[in-house]
N, C-alpha and C. Protein backbone atom coordinates (compact mmCIF):
# COMPACT_ATOMS: atom_id res chain seq x y z
N SER A 1 28.55 98.33 21.01
CA SER A 1 28.02 97.73 19.81
C SER A 1 28.45 96.27 19.74
N ARG A 2 27.70 95.58 18.98
CA ARG A 2 27.92 94.15 18.88
C ARG A 2 28.80 93.86 17.67
N ARG A 3 29.82 92.98 17.90
CA ARG A 3 30.70 92.62 16.78
C ARG A 3 30.31 91.26 16.24
N ASP A 4 30.38 91.13 14.94
CA ASP A 4 30.14 89.84 14.30
C ASP A 4 31.46 89.08 14.27
N VAL A 5 31.48 87.99 14.99
CA VAL A 5 32.68 87.16 15.03
C VAL A 5 32.41 85.92 14.22
N ARG A 6 33.23 85.72 13.27
CA ARG A 6 33.07 84.54 12.42
C ARG A 6 34.01 83.45 12.92
N VAL A 7 33.42 82.34 13.25
CA VAL A 7 34.20 81.19 13.72
C VAL A 7 34.47 80.31 12.51
N PRO A 8 35.73 79.97 12.32
CA PRO A 8 36.03 79.11 11.17
C PRO A 8 35.36 77.74 11.34
N ARG A 9 34.88 77.21 10.25
CA ARG A 9 34.21 75.91 10.29
C ARG A 9 35.26 74.81 10.42
N ARG A 10 35.03 73.92 11.37
CA ARG A 10 35.96 72.83 11.61
C ARG A 10 35.52 71.59 10.85
N ALA A 11 36.51 70.76 10.58
CA ALA A 11 36.20 69.48 9.93
C ALA A 11 35.48 68.59 10.95
N PRO A 12 34.61 67.71 10.50
CA PRO A 12 33.92 66.83 11.44
C PRO A 12 34.91 65.92 12.16
N LEU A 13 34.60 65.57 13.40
CA LEU A 13 35.49 64.73 14.17
C LEU A 13 35.60 63.33 13.58
N LEU A 14 34.51 62.81 13.11
CA LEU A 14 34.52 61.49 12.49
C LEU A 14 34.25 61.63 11.01
N ALA A 15 35.10 61.06 10.22
CA ALA A 15 34.90 61.14 8.78
C ALA A 15 33.72 60.25 8.38
N SER A 16 32.93 60.74 7.48
CA SER A 16 31.79 59.95 7.03
C SER A 16 32.28 58.85 6.09
N ARG A 17 31.55 57.76 6.08
CA ARG A 17 31.93 56.64 5.22
C ARG A 17 31.50 56.95 3.79
N SER A 18 32.34 56.52 2.87
CA SER A 18 31.99 56.76 1.48
C SER A 18 31.00 55.73 0.97
N SER A 19 30.96 54.56 1.61
CA SER A 19 30.00 53.54 1.21
C SER A 19 29.24 53.08 2.45
N PRO A 20 28.04 52.62 2.28
CA PRO A 20 27.28 52.18 3.45
C PRO A 20 27.92 50.95 4.08
N PRO A 21 27.74 50.75 5.38
CA PRO A 21 28.35 49.60 6.03
C PRO A 21 27.78 48.30 5.50
N ALA A 22 28.58 47.25 5.58
CA ALA A 22 28.14 45.95 5.10
C ALA A 22 27.03 45.43 6.01
N PRO A 23 26.07 44.73 5.46
CA PRO A 23 25.00 44.19 6.29
C PRO A 23 25.57 43.17 7.27
N PRO A 24 25.03 43.11 8.48
CA PRO A 24 25.56 42.16 9.46
C PRO A 24 25.31 40.73 9.02
N GLY A 25 26.27 39.85 9.31
CA GLY A 25 26.13 38.44 8.97
C GLY A 25 25.30 37.73 10.02
N ASN A 26 25.32 36.43 9.94
CA ASN A 26 24.54 35.66 10.90
C ASN A 26 25.30 35.40 12.19
N GLY A 27 26.55 35.80 12.29
CA GLY A 27 27.31 35.69 13.52
C GLY A 27 27.97 34.34 13.74
N LEU A 28 27.90 33.46 12.75
CA LEU A 28 28.50 32.14 12.93
C LEU A 28 30.01 32.23 13.07
N GLY A 29 30.62 33.16 12.38
CA GLY A 29 32.07 33.32 12.49
C GLY A 29 32.48 33.73 13.89
N HIS A 30 31.73 34.65 14.46
CA HIS A 30 32.03 35.11 15.82
C HIS A 30 31.74 34.00 16.83
N ALA A 31 30.67 33.27 16.62
CA ALA A 31 30.33 32.17 17.54
C ALA A 31 31.39 31.08 17.47
N GLY A 32 31.88 30.80 16.27
CA GLY A 32 32.94 29.81 16.12
C GLY A 32 34.22 30.25 16.82
N GLY A 33 34.55 31.52 16.71
CA GLY A 33 35.73 32.04 17.39
C GLY A 33 35.60 31.96 18.90
N LEU A 34 34.41 32.27 19.39
CA LEU A 34 34.16 32.19 20.83
C LEU A 34 34.23 30.75 21.32
N ALA A 35 33.70 29.83 20.53
CA ALA A 35 33.76 28.41 20.89
C ALA A 35 35.20 27.92 20.91
N ALA A 36 36.00 28.34 19.95
CA ALA A 36 37.40 27.94 19.92
C ALA A 36 38.15 28.49 21.13
N LEU A 37 37.83 29.70 21.53
CA LEU A 37 38.45 30.28 22.71
C LEU A 37 38.07 29.50 23.96
N ALA A 38 36.82 29.07 24.06
CA ALA A 38 36.38 28.29 25.22
C ALA A 38 37.08 26.94 25.26
N VAL A 39 37.23 26.29 24.11
CA VAL A 39 37.93 25.00 24.06
C VAL A 39 39.40 25.17 24.44
N ALA A 40 40.04 26.22 23.94
CA ALA A 40 41.44 26.47 24.29
C ALA A 40 41.60 26.73 25.77
N SER A 41 40.65 27.44 26.36
CA SER A 41 40.70 27.71 27.79
C SER A 41 40.59 26.42 28.59
N GLU A 42 39.68 25.54 28.20
CA GLU A 42 39.53 24.26 28.89
C GLU A 42 40.79 23.41 28.73
N LEU A 43 41.38 23.40 27.54
CA LEU A 43 42.60 22.63 27.32
C LEU A 43 43.73 23.13 28.21
N MET A 44 43.81 24.44 28.40
CA MET A 44 44.84 24.99 29.28
C MET A 44 44.63 24.51 30.72
N GLN A 45 43.39 24.46 31.17
CA GLN A 45 43.12 24.00 32.53
C GLN A 45 43.51 22.53 32.68
N TYR A 46 43.15 21.69 31.71
CA TYR A 46 43.51 20.28 31.78
C TYR A 46 45.02 20.09 31.74
N THR A 47 45.69 20.85 30.89
CA THR A 47 47.14 20.76 30.79
C THR A 47 47.81 21.16 32.09
N ASN A 48 47.37 22.25 32.69
CA ASN A 48 47.96 22.70 33.95
C ASN A 48 47.72 21.68 35.06
N THR A 49 46.54 21.08 35.09
CA THR A 49 46.25 20.07 36.10
C THR A 49 47.15 18.85 35.91
N ALA A 50 47.30 18.41 34.67
CA ALA A 50 48.16 17.25 34.41
C ALA A 50 49.61 17.54 34.78
N LEU A 51 50.10 18.73 34.48
CA LEU A 51 51.46 19.09 34.85
C LEU A 51 51.65 19.16 36.36
N LEU A 52 50.65 19.66 37.08
CA LEU A 52 50.73 19.73 38.53
C LEU A 52 50.77 18.32 39.12
N ILE A 53 49.93 17.43 38.62
CA ILE A 53 49.93 16.05 39.12
C ILE A 53 51.27 15.38 38.82
N LEU A 54 51.80 15.58 37.62
CA LEU A 54 53.08 15.00 37.27
C LEU A 54 54.19 15.51 38.19
N LEU A 55 54.19 16.81 38.44
CA LEU A 55 55.19 17.40 39.33
C LEU A 55 55.06 16.84 40.74
N LEU A 56 53.83 16.76 41.26
CA LEU A 56 53.63 16.23 42.61
C LEU A 56 54.03 14.76 42.70
N ARG A 57 53.75 14.00 41.67
CA ARG A 57 54.14 12.58 41.69
C ARG A 57 55.65 12.42 41.69
N ARG A 58 56.34 13.28 40.98
CA ARG A 58 57.81 13.20 40.98
C ARG A 58 58.38 13.68 42.31
N LEU A 59 57.81 14.74 42.87
CA LEU A 59 58.32 15.25 44.15
C LEU A 59 58.09 14.26 45.29
N THR A 60 56.95 13.59 45.27
CA THR A 60 56.62 12.65 46.35
C THR A 60 57.04 11.22 46.04
N ARG A 61 57.54 11.00 44.83
CA ARG A 61 57.94 9.67 44.37
C ARG A 61 56.78 8.66 44.50
N SER A 62 55.59 9.14 44.18
CA SER A 62 54.39 8.29 44.23
C SER A 62 54.26 7.54 42.92
N GLU A 63 53.86 6.28 43.01
CA GLU A 63 53.66 5.48 41.81
C GLU A 63 52.20 5.47 41.38
N THR A 64 51.29 5.64 42.33
CA THR A 64 49.86 5.61 42.02
C THR A 64 49.22 6.90 42.52
N MET A 65 48.01 7.13 42.03
CA MET A 65 47.28 8.33 42.48
C MET A 65 46.88 8.21 43.94
N SER A 66 46.62 7.00 44.42
CA SER A 66 46.25 6.86 45.83
C SER A 66 47.45 7.18 46.73
N GLN A 67 48.66 6.80 46.31
CA GLN A 67 49.85 7.17 47.08
C GLN A 67 50.05 8.68 47.08
N LEU A 68 49.78 9.31 45.95
CA LEU A 68 49.90 10.76 45.86
C LEU A 68 48.87 11.43 46.78
N ALA A 69 47.64 10.91 46.77
CA ALA A 69 46.60 11.47 47.64
C ALA A 69 46.99 11.33 49.10
N GLU A 70 47.53 10.17 49.49
CA GLU A 70 47.98 9.98 50.88
C GLU A 70 49.09 10.95 51.22
N ALA A 71 50.03 11.18 50.31
CA ALA A 71 51.13 12.11 50.57
C ALA A 71 50.63 13.54 50.74
N VAL A 72 49.70 13.94 49.89
CA VAL A 72 49.16 15.31 49.99
C VAL A 72 48.36 15.48 51.26
N ILE A 73 47.55 14.48 51.60
CA ILE A 73 46.75 14.55 52.84
C ILE A 73 47.67 14.59 54.06
N GLY A 74 48.71 13.75 54.05
CA GLY A 74 49.68 13.77 55.16
C GLY A 74 50.37 15.10 55.29
N TRP A 75 50.71 15.71 54.15
CA TRP A 75 51.37 17.02 54.17
C TRP A 75 50.44 18.08 54.75
N LEU A 76 49.17 18.03 54.35
CA LEU A 76 48.20 19.02 54.85
C LEU A 76 47.96 18.83 56.34
N ARG A 77 47.83 17.58 56.78
CA ARG A 77 47.60 17.31 58.22
C ARG A 77 48.79 17.76 59.06
N ALA A 78 50.01 17.57 58.56
CA ALA A 78 51.19 17.98 59.30
C ALA A 78 51.25 19.49 59.49
N ARG A 79 50.58 20.21 58.62
CA ARG A 79 50.57 21.68 58.71
C ARG A 79 49.27 22.22 59.29
N GLY A 80 48.47 21.34 59.86
CA GLY A 80 47.24 21.78 60.51
C GLY A 80 46.06 21.93 59.57
N GLY A 81 46.19 21.48 58.35
CA GLY A 81 45.07 21.58 57.42
C GLY A 81 44.09 20.44 57.63
N ALA A 82 42.85 20.68 57.41
CA ALA A 82 41.84 19.64 57.55
C ALA A 82 41.67 18.94 56.21
N ALA A 83 42.17 17.72 56.15
CA ALA A 83 42.06 16.98 54.88
C ALA A 83 41.49 15.61 55.14
């Protein structure tokens, strides 16, 4: 014979919202945040480049950028690099 098995009712996995969601905005806030992130990323790249040049100028005791370029090219050539 067949038995009637009653399964207890479970609560829903996701609770329903008591109020409807807010209408979406025009996205200017998100676009502004993304633009700020892009600017910050670019600033980090410029800062890192400036710090690297400063470090190389101090290590090579170069006074001008052309002296630094000559020092870097000479270093690369001494190690077999094509510069």
